[in-house]
N, C-alpha and C. Protein backbone atom coordinates (compact mmCIF):
# COMPACT_ATOMS: atom_id res chain seq x y z
N UNK A 1 0.84 -1.19 0.00
CA UNK A 1 0.00 0.00 0.00
C UNK A 1 0.88 1.25 0.00
N UNK A 2 0.59 2.18 -0.90
CA UNK A 2 1.31 3.45 -0.97
C UNK A 2 0.53 4.49 -0.19
N UNK A 3 1.08 4.96 0.92
CA UNK A 3 0.38 5.91 1.76
C UNK A 3 0.04 7.20 1.02
N UNK A 4 0.80 7.51 -0.01
CA UNK A 4 0.54 8.74 -0.77
C UNK A 4 -0.78 8.69 -1.52
N UNK A 5 -1.31 7.47 -1.70
CA UNK A 5 -2.56 7.32 -2.45
C UNK A 5 -3.80 7.34 -1.56
N UNK A 6 -3.60 7.44 -0.23
CA UNK A 6 -4.74 7.44 0.70
C UNK A 6 -5.27 8.87 0.82
N UNK A 7 -6.52 9.05 0.43
CA UNK A 7 -7.16 10.36 0.50
C UNK A 7 -8.61 10.21 0.93
N UNK A 8 -9.11 11.23 1.62
CA UNK A 8 -10.52 11.27 1.98
C UNK A 8 -11.07 12.62 1.57
N UNK A 9 -12.19 12.61 0.86
CA UNK A 9 -12.82 13.85 0.45
C UNK A 9 -13.94 14.14 1.45
N UNK A 10 -13.75 15.16 2.26
CA UNK A 10 -14.70 15.45 3.34
C UNK A 10 -15.98 16.05 2.78
N UNK A 11 -17.12 15.53 3.22
CA UNK A 11 -18.41 15.94 2.67
C UNK A 11 -19.46 16.25 3.73
N UNK A 12 -19.11 16.11 5.00
CA UNK A 12 -20.14 16.10 6.05
C UNK A 12 -20.80 17.45 6.27
N UNK A 13 -20.00 18.51 6.39
CA UNK A 13 -20.58 19.80 6.79
C UNK A 13 -19.69 20.94 6.33
N UNK A 14 -20.04 22.17 6.77
CA UNK A 14 -19.28 23.35 6.41
C UNK A 14 -19.54 24.44 7.43
N UNK A 15 -18.63 25.40 7.52
CA UNK A 15 -18.83 26.58 8.35
C UNK A 15 -19.06 27.75 7.40
N UNK A 16 -20.30 28.19 7.29
CA UNK A 16 -20.66 29.21 6.32
C UNK A 16 -20.55 30.61 6.91
N UNK A 17 -20.36 31.59 6.04
CA UNK A 17 -20.41 32.99 6.43
C UNK A 17 -19.18 33.44 7.20
N UNK A 18 -19.28 34.65 7.73
CA UNK A 18 -18.17 35.22 8.48
C UNK A 18 -18.62 35.68 9.87
N UNK A 19 -19.79 35.25 10.29
CA UNK A 19 -20.28 35.53 11.65
C UNK A 19 -20.17 34.25 12.47
N UNK A 20 -19.39 34.32 13.55
CA UNK A 20 -19.11 33.12 14.35
C UNK A 20 -19.53 33.35 15.80
N UNK A 21 -19.72 32.27 16.57
CA UNK A 21 -20.10 32.44 17.98
C UNK A 21 -19.11 33.32 18.73
N UNK A 22 -19.61 34.08 19.69
CA UNK A 22 -18.76 34.98 20.47
C UNK A 22 -17.85 34.19 21.39
N UNK A 23 -18.37 33.13 22.01
CA UNK A 23 -17.62 32.34 22.99
C UNK A 23 -17.21 31.00 22.39
N UNK A 24 -15.93 30.77 22.16
CA UNK A 24 -15.50 29.51 21.55
C UNK A 24 -15.74 28.28 22.43
N UNK A 25 -15.70 28.46 23.75
CA UNK A 25 -15.90 27.29 24.62
C UNK A 25 -17.33 26.76 24.45
N UNK A 26 -18.30 27.65 24.31
CA UNK A 26 -19.67 27.20 24.08
C UNK A 26 -19.80 26.51 22.73
N UNK A 27 -19.10 27.03 21.73
CA UNK A 27 -19.11 26.38 20.41
C UNK A 27 -18.48 25.00 20.52
N UNK A 28 -17.40 24.88 21.30
CA UNK A 28 -16.78 23.57 21.50
C UNK A 28 -17.78 22.59 22.11
N UNK A 29 -18.53 23.04 23.11
CA UNK A 29 -19.53 22.16 23.73
C UNK A 29 -20.52 21.64 22.69
N UNK A 30 -20.95 22.51 21.78
CA UNK A 30 -21.88 22.08 20.73
C UNK A 30 -21.25 21.01 19.85
N UNK A 31 -20.00 21.24 19.45
CA UNK A 31 -19.32 20.25 18.60
C UNK A 31 -19.10 18.94 19.34
N UNK A 32 -18.75 19.01 20.62
CA UNK A 32 -18.56 17.78 21.39
C UNK A 32 -19.86 17.00 21.49
N UNK A 33 -20.95 17.69 21.76
CA UNK A 33 -22.25 17.01 21.83
C UNK A 33 -22.61 16.36 20.50
N UNK A 34 -22.33 17.06 19.40
CA UNK A 34 -22.62 16.49 18.08
C UNK A 34 -21.74 15.29 17.79
N UNK A 35 -20.48 15.33 18.25
CA UNK A 35 -19.60 14.18 18.07
C UNK A 35 -20.13 12.96 18.82
N UNK A 36 -20.59 13.18 20.06
CA UNK A 36 -21.13 12.07 20.85
C UNK A 36 -22.42 11.54 20.24
N UNK A 37 -23.28 12.44 19.78
CA UNK A 37 -24.55 12.02 19.17
C UNK A 37 -24.32 11.27 17.86
N UNK A 38 -23.22 11.58 17.18
CA UNK A 38 -22.93 10.91 15.91
C UNK A 38 -22.42 9.49 16.11
N UNK A 39 -22.08 9.13 17.38
CA UNK A 39 -21.56 7.80 17.66
C UNK A 39 -20.06 7.73 17.70
N UNK A 40 -19.39 8.87 17.79
CA UNK A 40 -17.93 8.88 17.91
C UNK A 40 -17.54 8.03 19.11
N UNK A 41 -16.71 6.98 18.92
CA UNK A 41 -16.45 6.04 20.02
C UNK A 41 -15.69 6.64 21.20
N UNK A 42 -14.83 7.60 20.96
CA UNK A 42 -14.06 8.23 22.06
C UNK A 42 -14.10 9.74 21.87
N UNK A 43 -15.27 10.32 21.98
CA UNK A 43 -15.43 11.74 21.68
C UNK A 43 -14.67 12.63 22.65
N UNK A 44 -14.45 12.17 23.88
CA UNK A 44 -13.74 13.00 24.88
C UNK A 44 -12.24 12.76 24.89
N UNK A 45 -11.76 11.89 24.00
CA UNK A 45 -10.31 11.65 23.91
C UNK A 45 -9.63 12.85 23.25
N UNK A 46 -8.51 13.26 23.81
CA UNK A 46 -7.79 14.41 23.27
C UNK A 46 -6.30 14.18 23.38
N UNK A 47 -5.56 14.70 22.43
CA UNK A 47 -4.10 14.63 22.47
C UNK A 47 -3.61 15.80 23.31
N UNK A 48 -2.90 15.49 24.38
CA UNK A 48 -2.29 16.51 25.24
C UNK A 48 -0.82 16.62 24.84
N UNK A 49 -0.42 17.82 24.43
CA UNK A 49 0.97 18.06 24.03
C UNK A 49 1.65 18.97 25.04
N UNK A 50 2.82 18.53 25.52
CA UNK A 50 3.60 19.29 26.49
C UNK A 50 5.03 19.42 25.97
N UNK A 51 5.84 20.21 26.67
CA UNK A 51 7.23 20.43 26.27
C UNK A 51 8.12 20.21 27.48
N UNK A 52 9.23 19.48 27.26
CA UNK A 52 10.15 19.16 28.34
C UNK A 52 11.10 20.32 28.61
N UNK A 53 11.91 20.19 29.66
CA UNK A 53 12.90 21.22 29.97
C UNK A 53 13.98 21.30 28.90
N UNK A 54 14.10 20.26 28.06
CA UNK A 54 15.04 20.28 26.93
C UNK A 54 14.36 20.78 25.65
N UNK A 55 13.14 21.32 25.79
CA UNK A 55 12.36 21.85 24.67
C UNK A 55 11.97 20.78 23.67
N UNK A 56 11.83 19.54 24.14
CA UNK A 56 11.36 18.46 23.29
C UNK A 56 9.86 18.29 23.49
N UNK A 57 9.08 18.32 22.41
CA UNK A 57 7.63 18.12 22.55
C UNK A 57 7.30 16.67 22.85
N UNK A 58 6.20 16.47 23.54
CA UNK A 58 5.73 15.12 23.89
C UNK A 58 4.21 15.14 23.83
N UNK A 59 3.62 14.08 23.29
CA UNK A 59 2.17 14.04 23.14
C UNK A 59 1.63 12.67 23.52
N UNK A 60 0.41 12.67 24.05
CA UNK A 60 -0.28 11.44 24.42
C UNK A 60 -1.78 11.71 24.47
N UNK A 61 -2.57 10.65 24.44
CA UNK A 61 -4.03 10.80 24.49
C UNK A 61 -4.49 10.68 25.94
N UNK A 62 -5.28 11.66 26.39
CA UNK A 62 -5.91 11.62 27.70
C UNK A 62 -7.40 11.90 27.49
N UNK A 63 -8.18 11.83 28.57
CA UNK A 63 -9.62 12.02 28.46
C UNK A 63 -10.06 13.32 29.12
N UNK A 64 -10.87 14.08 28.41
CA UNK A 64 -11.48 15.28 28.97
C UNK A 64 -12.54 14.86 29.97
N UNK A 65 -12.50 15.44 31.17
CA UNK A 65 -13.44 15.05 32.21
C UNK A 65 -14.43 16.13 32.60
N UNK A 66 -14.14 17.38 32.29
CA UNK A 66 -15.12 18.43 32.49
C UNK A 66 -14.69 19.69 31.77
N UNK A 67 -15.68 20.54 31.48
CA UNK A 67 -15.44 21.86 30.89
C UNK A 67 -16.22 22.86 31.73
N UNK A 68 -15.58 23.97 32.09
CA UNK A 68 -16.29 25.05 32.77
C UNK A 68 -15.77 26.38 32.24
N UNK A 69 -16.20 27.46 32.87
CA UNK A 69 -15.80 28.78 32.39
C UNK A 69 -14.31 29.04 32.55
N UNK A 70 -13.64 28.18 33.34
CA UNK A 70 -12.21 28.37 33.58
C UNK A 70 -11.32 27.46 32.73
N UNK A 71 -11.92 26.50 32.04
CA UNK A 71 -11.10 25.68 31.16
C UNK A 71 -11.50 24.23 31.04
N UNK A 72 -10.54 23.44 30.55
CA UNK A 72 -10.72 22.03 30.20
C UNK A 72 -9.96 21.19 31.23
N UNK A 73 -10.64 20.22 31.85
CA UNK A 73 -10.08 19.49 32.98
C UNK A 73 -9.79 18.04 32.62
N UNK A 74 -8.61 17.57 33.03
CA UNK A 74 -8.26 16.15 32.93
C UNK A 74 -7.51 15.77 34.19
N UNK A 75 -7.37 14.47 34.42
CA UNK A 75 -6.75 13.97 35.65
C UNK A 75 -5.62 13.00 35.31
N UNK A 76 -4.60 13.00 36.17
CA UNK A 76 -3.45 12.12 35.92
C UNK A 76 -2.56 12.07 37.15
N UNK A 77 -1.46 11.34 37.00
CA UNK A 77 -0.43 11.26 38.03
C UNK A 77 0.49 12.48 37.89
N UNK A 78 0.62 13.26 38.97
CA UNK A 78 1.45 14.45 38.91
C UNK A 78 2.93 14.14 38.70
N UNK A 79 3.34 12.90 39.01
CA UNK A 79 4.74 12.51 38.87
C UNK A 79 5.02 11.83 37.54
N UNK A 80 4.01 11.73 36.69
CA UNK A 80 4.20 11.13 35.37
C UNK A 80 5.03 12.06 34.49
N UNK A 81 5.38 11.57 33.31
CA UNK A 81 6.19 12.39 32.40
C UNK A 81 5.48 13.71 32.07
N UNK A 82 4.19 13.63 31.78
CA UNK A 82 3.46 14.86 31.46
C UNK A 82 3.35 15.77 32.67
N UNK A 83 3.20 15.17 33.88
CA UNK A 83 3.13 15.98 35.08
C UNK A 83 4.42 16.73 35.34
N UNK A 84 5.54 16.03 35.16
CA UNK A 84 6.85 16.67 35.35
C UNK A 84 7.03 17.79 34.33
N UNK A 85 6.64 17.54 33.08
CA UNK A 85 6.79 18.57 32.06
C UNK A 85 5.90 19.78 32.34
N UNK A 86 4.69 19.54 32.83
CA UNK A 86 3.80 20.65 33.15
C UNK A 86 4.29 21.45 34.35
N UNK A 87 5.03 20.82 35.24
CA UNK A 87 5.57 21.56 36.38
C UNK A 87 6.68 22.52 35.95
N UNK A 88 7.33 22.22 34.82
CA UNK A 88 8.40 23.07 34.33
C UNK A 88 7.95 24.07 33.28
N UNK A 89 6.91 23.71 32.53
CA UNK A 89 6.36 24.59 31.50
C UNK A 89 4.85 24.47 31.57
N UNK A 90 4.19 25.51 32.03
CA UNK A 90 2.76 25.43 32.31
C UNK A 90 1.87 25.61 31.09
N UNK A 91 2.49 25.79 29.93
CA UNK A 91 1.70 25.93 28.71
C UNK A 91 1.61 24.58 28.00
N UNK A 92 0.43 24.29 27.46
CA UNK A 92 0.21 23.01 26.79
C UNK A 92 -0.84 23.19 25.70
N UNK A 93 -1.04 22.12 24.92
CA UNK A 93 -2.02 22.15 23.84
C UNK A 93 -2.87 20.89 23.89
N UNK A 94 -4.13 21.02 23.49
CA UNK A 94 -5.06 19.90 23.37
C UNK A 94 -5.53 19.82 21.93
N UNK A 95 -5.69 18.60 21.42
CA UNK A 95 -6.21 18.41 20.07
C UNK A 95 -7.29 17.34 20.10
N UNK A 96 -8.46 17.70 19.58
CA UNK A 96 -9.56 16.75 19.41
C UNK A 96 -9.74 16.49 17.92
N UNK A 97 -9.96 15.22 17.56
CA UNK A 97 -10.27 14.88 16.18
C UNK A 97 -11.45 13.93 16.17
N UNK A 98 -12.50 14.32 15.45
CA UNK A 98 -13.72 13.52 15.37
C UNK A 98 -13.97 13.14 13.91
N UNK A 99 -13.53 11.96 13.49
CA UNK A 99 -13.66 11.56 12.08
C UNK A 99 -15.09 11.51 11.58
N UNK A 100 -16.04 11.13 12.44
CA UNK A 100 -17.41 10.95 11.96
C UNK A 100 -18.07 12.27 11.59
N UNK A 101 -17.69 13.34 12.27
CA UNK A 101 -18.21 14.66 11.89
C UNK A 101 -17.18 15.46 11.09
N UNK A 102 -16.02 14.84 10.83
CA UNK A 102 -14.96 15.45 10.02
C UNK A 102 -14.51 16.79 10.60
N UNK A 103 -14.26 16.77 11.92
CA UNK A 103 -13.90 18.00 12.62
C UNK A 103 -12.68 17.81 13.50
N UNK A 104 -12.00 18.92 13.72
CA UNK A 104 -10.85 18.96 14.61
C UNK A 104 -10.92 20.27 15.40
N UNK A 105 -10.53 20.21 16.68
CA UNK A 105 -10.41 21.42 17.49
C UNK A 105 -9.05 21.42 18.15
N UNK A 106 -8.33 22.54 18.01
CA UNK A 106 -7.03 22.72 18.64
C UNK A 106 -7.17 23.80 19.71
N UNK A 107 -6.60 23.52 20.89
CA UNK A 107 -6.73 24.42 22.03
C UNK A 107 -5.36 24.60 22.67
N UNK A 108 -4.98 25.84 22.94
CA UNK A 108 -3.72 26.12 23.62
C UNK A 108 -3.99 27.00 24.83
N UNK A 109 -3.16 26.85 25.87
CA UNK A 109 -3.35 27.70 27.03
C UNK A 109 -2.47 27.33 28.20
N UNK A 110 -2.78 27.95 29.32
CA UNK A 110 -2.01 27.80 30.56
C UNK A 110 -2.66 26.72 31.42
N UNK A 111 -1.82 25.84 31.97
CA UNK A 111 -2.32 24.71 32.76
C UNK A 111 -1.97 24.91 34.24
N UNK A 112 -2.94 24.66 35.10
CA UNK A 112 -2.72 24.69 36.55
C UNK A 112 -3.45 23.51 37.18
N UNK A 113 -3.05 23.14 38.37
CA UNK A 113 -3.71 22.04 39.06
C UNK A 113 -5.09 22.48 39.56
N UNK A 114 -6.02 21.55 39.56
CA UNK A 114 -7.32 21.81 40.19
C UNK A 114 -7.12 21.79 41.70
N UNK A 115 -8.10 22.33 42.44
CA UNK A 115 -7.96 22.27 43.89
C UNK A 115 -8.23 20.85 44.38
N UNK A 116 -7.87 20.60 45.64
CA UNK A 116 -7.95 19.24 46.17
C UNK A 116 -9.38 18.73 46.22
N UNK A 117 -10.34 19.61 46.50
CA UNK A 117 -11.73 19.17 46.55
C UNK A 117 -12.20 18.64 45.20
N UNK A 118 -11.82 19.33 44.13
CA UNK A 118 -12.21 18.88 42.79
C UNK A 118 -11.55 17.56 42.44
N UNK A 119 -10.26 17.42 42.83
CA UNK A 119 -9.57 16.16 42.58
C UNK A 119 -10.20 15.02 43.39
N UNK A 120 -10.56 15.30 44.65
CA UNK A 120 -11.20 14.29 45.49
C UNK A 120 -12.53 13.85 44.91
N UNK A 121 -13.34 14.83 44.50
CA UNK A 121 -14.67 14.52 43.97
C UNK A 121 -14.59 13.57 42.80
N UNK A 122 -13.66 13.84 41.88
CA UNK A 122 -13.55 12.95 40.73
C UNK A 122 -12.95 11.60 41.12
N UNK A 123 -11.90 11.63 41.96
CA UNK A 123 -11.24 10.38 42.34
C UNK A 123 -12.22 9.40 42.97
N UNK A 124 -13.04 9.88 43.88
CA UNK A 124 -13.96 8.98 44.59
C UNK A 124 -15.18 8.60 43.75
N UNK A 125 -15.33 9.21 42.58
CA UNK A 125 -16.39 8.79 41.66
C UNK A 125 -15.92 7.65 40.76
N UNK A 126 -14.62 7.36 40.77
CA UNK A 126 -14.07 6.35 39.88
C UNK A 126 -14.34 4.94 40.41
N UNK A 127 -14.35 3.95 39.52
CA UNK A 127 -14.48 2.56 39.98
C UNK A 127 -13.32 2.18 40.89
N UNK A 128 -13.54 1.21 41.77
CA UNK A 128 -12.54 0.80 42.75
C UNK A 128 -11.21 0.44 42.09
N UNK A 129 -11.24 -0.36 41.04
CA UNK A 129 -9.99 -0.77 40.42
C UNK A 129 -9.22 0.42 39.84
N UNK A 130 -9.93 1.40 39.31
CA UNK A 130 -9.26 2.59 38.78
C UNK A 130 -8.58 3.36 39.90
N UNK A 131 -9.22 3.44 41.05
CA UNK A 131 -8.60 4.13 42.19
C UNK A 131 -7.36 3.37 42.68
N UNK A 132 -7.47 2.06 42.73
CA UNK A 132 -6.33 1.25 43.15
C UNK A 132 -5.17 1.41 42.18
N UNK A 133 -5.47 1.41 40.89
CA UNK A 133 -4.40 1.56 39.90
C UNK A 133 -3.69 2.90 40.06
N UNK A 134 -4.43 3.95 40.41
CA UNK A 134 -3.81 5.25 40.63
C UNK A 134 -2.87 5.22 41.83
N UNK A 135 -3.21 4.41 42.82
CA UNK A 135 -2.39 4.30 44.03
C UNK A 135 -1.10 3.53 43.76
N UNK A 136 -1.20 2.42 43.04
CA UNK A 136 -0.05 1.50 42.94
C UNK A 136 0.87 1.81 41.77
N UNK A 137 0.39 2.56 40.77
CA UNK A 137 1.19 2.73 39.55
C UNK A 137 2.14 3.91 39.65
N UNK A 138 3.46 3.65 39.57
CA UNK A 138 4.44 4.75 39.49
C UNK A 138 4.56 5.20 38.03
N UNK A 139 3.53 5.85 37.55
CA UNK A 139 3.35 6.10 36.12
C UNK A 139 4.59 6.70 35.46
N UNK A 140 4.89 6.18 34.28
CA UNK A 140 5.99 6.62 33.41
C UNK A 140 7.38 6.17 33.87
N UNK A 141 7.47 5.41 34.97
CA UNK A 141 8.78 4.94 35.43
C UNK A 141 8.93 3.45 35.12
N UNK A 142 10.16 2.96 34.92
CA UNK A 142 10.37 1.54 34.64
C UNK A 142 9.93 0.67 35.81
N UNK A 143 9.35 -0.49 35.53
CA UNK A 143 8.97 -1.45 36.56
C UNK A 143 9.61 -2.80 36.26
N UNK A 144 9.76 -3.62 37.29
CA UNK A 144 10.41 -4.92 37.11
C UNK A 144 9.59 -5.85 36.25
N UNK A 145 8.28 -5.83 36.47
CA UNK A 145 7.41 -6.70 35.67
C UNK A 145 5.96 -6.30 35.88
N UNK A 146 5.11 -6.67 34.92
CA UNK A 146 3.68 -6.42 35.08
C UNK A 146 3.11 -7.27 36.21
N UNK A 147 3.69 -8.46 36.41
CA UNK A 147 3.21 -9.35 37.46
C UNK A 147 3.27 -8.68 38.83
N UNK A 148 4.37 -7.98 39.12
CA UNK A 148 4.50 -7.29 40.40
C UNK A 148 3.37 -6.27 40.58
N UNK A 149 3.06 -5.55 39.51
CA UNK A 149 2.01 -4.54 39.57
C UNK A 149 0.66 -5.19 39.82
N UNK A 150 0.40 -6.30 39.15
CA UNK A 150 -0.87 -6.99 39.33
C UNK A 150 -0.99 -7.57 40.73
N UNK A 151 0.13 -8.03 41.30
CA UNK A 151 0.13 -8.55 42.67
C UNK A 151 -0.23 -7.45 43.67
N UNK A 152 0.32 -6.26 43.46
CA UNK A 152 -0.03 -5.13 44.33
C UNK A 152 -1.52 -4.81 44.24
N UNK A 153 -2.04 -4.84 43.03
CA UNK A 153 -3.46 -4.55 42.86
C UNK A 153 -4.33 -5.58 43.56
N UNK A 154 -4.01 -6.86 43.37
CA UNK A 154 -4.80 -7.91 43.99
C UNK A 154 -4.74 -7.83 45.51
N UNK A 155 -3.58 -7.45 46.03
CA UNK A 155 -3.43 -7.32 47.49
C UNK A 155 -4.34 -6.24 48.03
N UNK A 156 -4.38 -5.10 47.37
CA UNK A 156 -5.26 -4.03 47.82
C UNK A 156 -6.73 -4.40 47.66
N UNK A 157 -7.06 -5.06 46.56
CA UNK A 157 -8.45 -5.49 46.36
C UNK A 157 -8.90 -6.43 47.46
N UNK A 158 -7.98 -7.27 47.91
CA UNK A 158 -8.32 -8.29 48.91
C UNK A 158 -8.36 -7.70 50.32
N UNK A 159 -7.41 -6.79 50.61
CA UNK A 159 -7.22 -6.33 51.99
C UNK A 159 -7.96 -5.05 52.35
N UNK A 160 -8.28 -4.23 51.38
CA UNK A 160 -8.85 -2.92 51.68
C UNK A 160 -10.31 -2.85 51.25
N UNK A 161 -11.12 -2.21 52.07
CA UNK A 161 -12.49 -1.94 51.70
C UNK A 161 -12.56 -0.77 50.74
N UNK A 162 -13.70 -0.63 50.10
CA UNK A 162 -13.88 0.41 49.10
C UNK A 162 -13.57 1.80 49.66
N UNK A 163 -13.96 2.03 50.93
CA UNK A 163 -13.80 3.34 51.51
C UNK A 163 -12.37 3.63 51.97
N UNK A 164 -11.49 2.64 51.94
CA UNK A 164 -10.13 2.83 52.44
C UNK A 164 -9.11 3.20 51.37
N UNK A 165 -9.55 3.27 50.12
CA UNK A 165 -8.63 3.62 49.04
C UNK A 165 -8.66 5.14 48.87
N UNK A 166 -7.73 5.81 49.52
CA UNK A 166 -7.70 7.27 49.50
C UNK A 166 -6.94 7.79 48.29
N UNK A 167 -7.32 8.99 47.85
CA UNK A 167 -6.60 9.60 46.72
C UNK A 167 -5.16 9.90 47.14
N UNK A 168 -4.18 9.38 46.39
CA UNK A 168 -2.79 9.69 46.71
C UNK A 168 -2.46 11.15 46.38
N UNK A 169 -1.53 11.73 47.10
CA UNK A 169 -1.20 13.14 46.90
C UNK A 169 -0.58 13.39 45.53
N UNK A 170 -0.06 12.33 44.90
CA UNK A 170 0.58 12.50 43.59
C UNK A 170 -0.40 12.37 42.44
N UNK A 171 -1.68 12.32 42.71
CA UNK A 171 -2.69 12.12 41.66
C UNK A 171 -3.77 13.19 41.79
N UNK A 172 -4.14 13.79 40.66
CA UNK A 172 -5.20 14.79 40.72
C UNK A 172 -5.46 15.42 39.37
N UNK A 173 -6.10 16.57 39.40
CA UNK A 173 -6.55 17.20 38.17
C UNK A 173 -5.70 18.36 37.70
N UNK A 174 -5.83 18.62 36.40
CA UNK A 174 -5.25 19.80 35.77
C UNK A 174 -6.36 20.51 35.00
N UNK A 175 -6.25 21.82 34.92
CA UNK A 175 -7.19 22.61 34.13
C UNK A 175 -6.40 23.47 33.14
N UNK A 176 -6.70 23.32 31.85
CA UNK A 176 -6.09 24.17 30.84
C UNK A 176 -7.04 25.32 30.56
N UNK A 177 -6.57 26.55 30.82
CA UNK A 177 -7.35 27.75 30.52
C UNK A 177 -6.96 28.23 29.13
N UNK A 178 -7.88 28.19 28.18
CA UNK A 178 -7.49 28.46 26.78
C UNK A 178 -7.27 29.94 26.51
N UNK A 179 -6.28 30.22 25.66
CA UNK A 179 -6.11 31.56 25.13
C UNK A 179 -6.06 31.55 23.60
N UNK A 180 -6.10 30.35 23.02
CA UNK A 180 -6.18 30.18 21.57
C UNK A 180 -6.99 28.92 21.28
N UNK A 181 -7.97 29.03 20.39
CA UNK A 181 -8.76 27.87 19.98
C UNK A 181 -8.98 27.94 18.47
N UNK A 182 -8.90 26.79 17.83
CA UNK A 182 -9.14 26.74 16.38
C UNK A 182 -10.10 25.61 16.05
N UNK A 183 -11.12 25.95 15.28
CA UNK A 183 -12.13 24.99 14.84
C UNK A 183 -11.88 24.67 13.36
N UNK A 184 -11.75 23.39 13.05
CA UNK A 184 -11.44 22.93 11.70
C UNK A 184 -12.57 22.03 11.23
N UNK A 185 -13.11 22.34 10.07
CA UNK A 185 -14.15 21.52 9.46
C UNK A 185 -13.68 21.06 8.10
N UNK A 186 -13.64 19.75 7.87
CA UNK A 186 -13.24 19.23 6.57
C UNK A 186 -14.21 19.64 5.49
N UNK A 187 -13.67 19.96 4.31
CA UNK A 187 -14.49 20.37 3.16
C UNK A 187 -14.01 19.64 1.91
N UNK A 188 -14.86 19.52 0.90
CA UNK A 188 -14.46 18.86 -0.34
C UNK A 188 -13.28 19.56 -1.00
N UNK A 189 -12.43 18.77 -1.65
CA UNK A 189 -11.30 19.32 -2.36
C UNK A 189 -10.21 19.87 -1.47
N UNK A 190 -10.31 19.57 -0.16
CA UNK A 190 -9.33 19.99 0.84
C UNK A 190 -9.27 21.50 1.04
N UNK A 191 -10.31 22.23 0.62
CA UNK A 191 -10.40 23.65 0.92
C UNK A 191 -11.19 23.80 2.23
N UNK A 192 -10.54 23.38 3.32
CA UNK A 192 -11.20 23.24 4.61
C UNK A 192 -11.52 24.59 5.26
N UNK A 193 -12.42 24.55 6.24
CA UNK A 193 -12.73 25.72 7.05
C UNK A 193 -11.86 25.72 8.30
N UNK A 194 -11.26 26.87 8.61
CA UNK A 194 -10.49 27.04 9.85
C UNK A 194 -10.89 28.37 10.48
N UNK A 195 -11.38 28.30 11.71
CA UNK A 195 -11.80 29.48 12.44
C UNK A 195 -10.97 29.58 13.71
N UNK A 196 -10.23 30.68 13.86
CA UNK A 196 -9.31 30.82 14.99
C UNK A 196 -9.80 31.92 15.95
N UNK A 197 -9.74 31.57 17.25
CA UNK A 197 -10.04 32.52 18.32
C UNK A 197 -8.77 32.81 19.10
N UNK A 198 -8.53 34.09 19.41
CA UNK A 198 -7.42 34.50 20.27
C UNK A 198 -7.98 35.33 21.41
N UNK A 199 -7.54 35.01 22.64
CA UNK A 199 -8.00 35.77 23.80
C UNK A 199 -7.13 37.01 23.95
N UNK A 200 -7.78 38.16 23.89
CA UNK A 200 -7.09 39.44 24.02
C UNK A 200 -7.69 40.18 25.21
N UNK A 201 -6.98 40.13 26.36
CA UNK A 201 -7.56 40.63 27.59
C UNK A 201 -8.65 39.70 28.05
N UNK A 202 -9.89 40.22 28.15
CA UNK A 202 -11.03 39.39 28.55
C UNK A 202 -11.93 39.04 27.37
N UNK A 203 -11.54 39.45 26.16
CA UNK A 203 -12.40 39.24 25.00
C UNK A 203 -11.70 38.37 23.96
N UNK A 204 -12.52 37.62 23.22
CA UNK A 204 -12.01 36.78 22.15
C UNK A 204 -12.11 37.52 20.82
N UNK A 205 -11.02 37.52 20.06
CA UNK A 205 -11.08 37.94 18.66
C UNK A 205 -11.20 36.68 17.81
N UNK A 206 -11.79 36.81 16.63
CA UNK A 206 -12.03 35.63 15.80
C UNK A 206 -11.74 35.96 14.35
N UNK A 207 -11.09 35.03 13.65
CA UNK A 207 -10.75 35.19 12.25
C UNK A 207 -10.87 33.86 11.52
N UNK A 208 -11.19 33.95 10.24
CA UNK A 208 -11.14 32.77 9.39
C UNK A 208 -9.71 32.65 8.86
N UNK A 209 -9.12 31.46 8.93
CA UNK A 209 -7.77 31.22 8.44
C UNK A 209 -7.81 30.48 7.10
N UNK A 210 -6.79 30.70 6.30
CA UNK A 210 -6.65 29.91 5.07
C UNK A 210 -6.36 28.46 5.44
N UNK A 211 -6.90 27.50 4.70
CA UNK A 211 -6.65 26.09 5.03
C UNK A 211 -5.23 25.67 4.70
């Protein structure tokens, strides 16, 4: 198979005119809802891109867990590779791609930790095994074997009650407050729609970009 011959002609929708929503976060919510309604299997999956102290970019898929007026929230191990990178460089980017609606959203901004109450609320809403995994996993570090990790999990499952699995201090939430957002809609002939928002003070400016 020659990868150069793989092409898709996008036909699903379009962004017409030059009048766009004032608030991009609300527009994002609409697109996310439409992605979920279309049957997108992982509509809340997003690529989180961070930068190391050596200025090397790093990207991975995480799950969006909430959106509010202050930003986009996800949860992870603070000592993981992404956590260490975010502690050194608080700026990051999120990318959503929804093939079924032929859309992409790119978001950039400043990342800070959520408060402990918000981290607790989400942690204790998780299934027991997910909470245990957060406790036992030294995320992003080498381990001797998967068997050792599974033994730790089984030990906690056997010895601890549901209420005894406390949120570890190294695990919690992050919130990305956006200052740049771009909405991409696939169009026929690859003349795609791109709408960019930039936060200037407390107000968003918006422009159509060339594809």
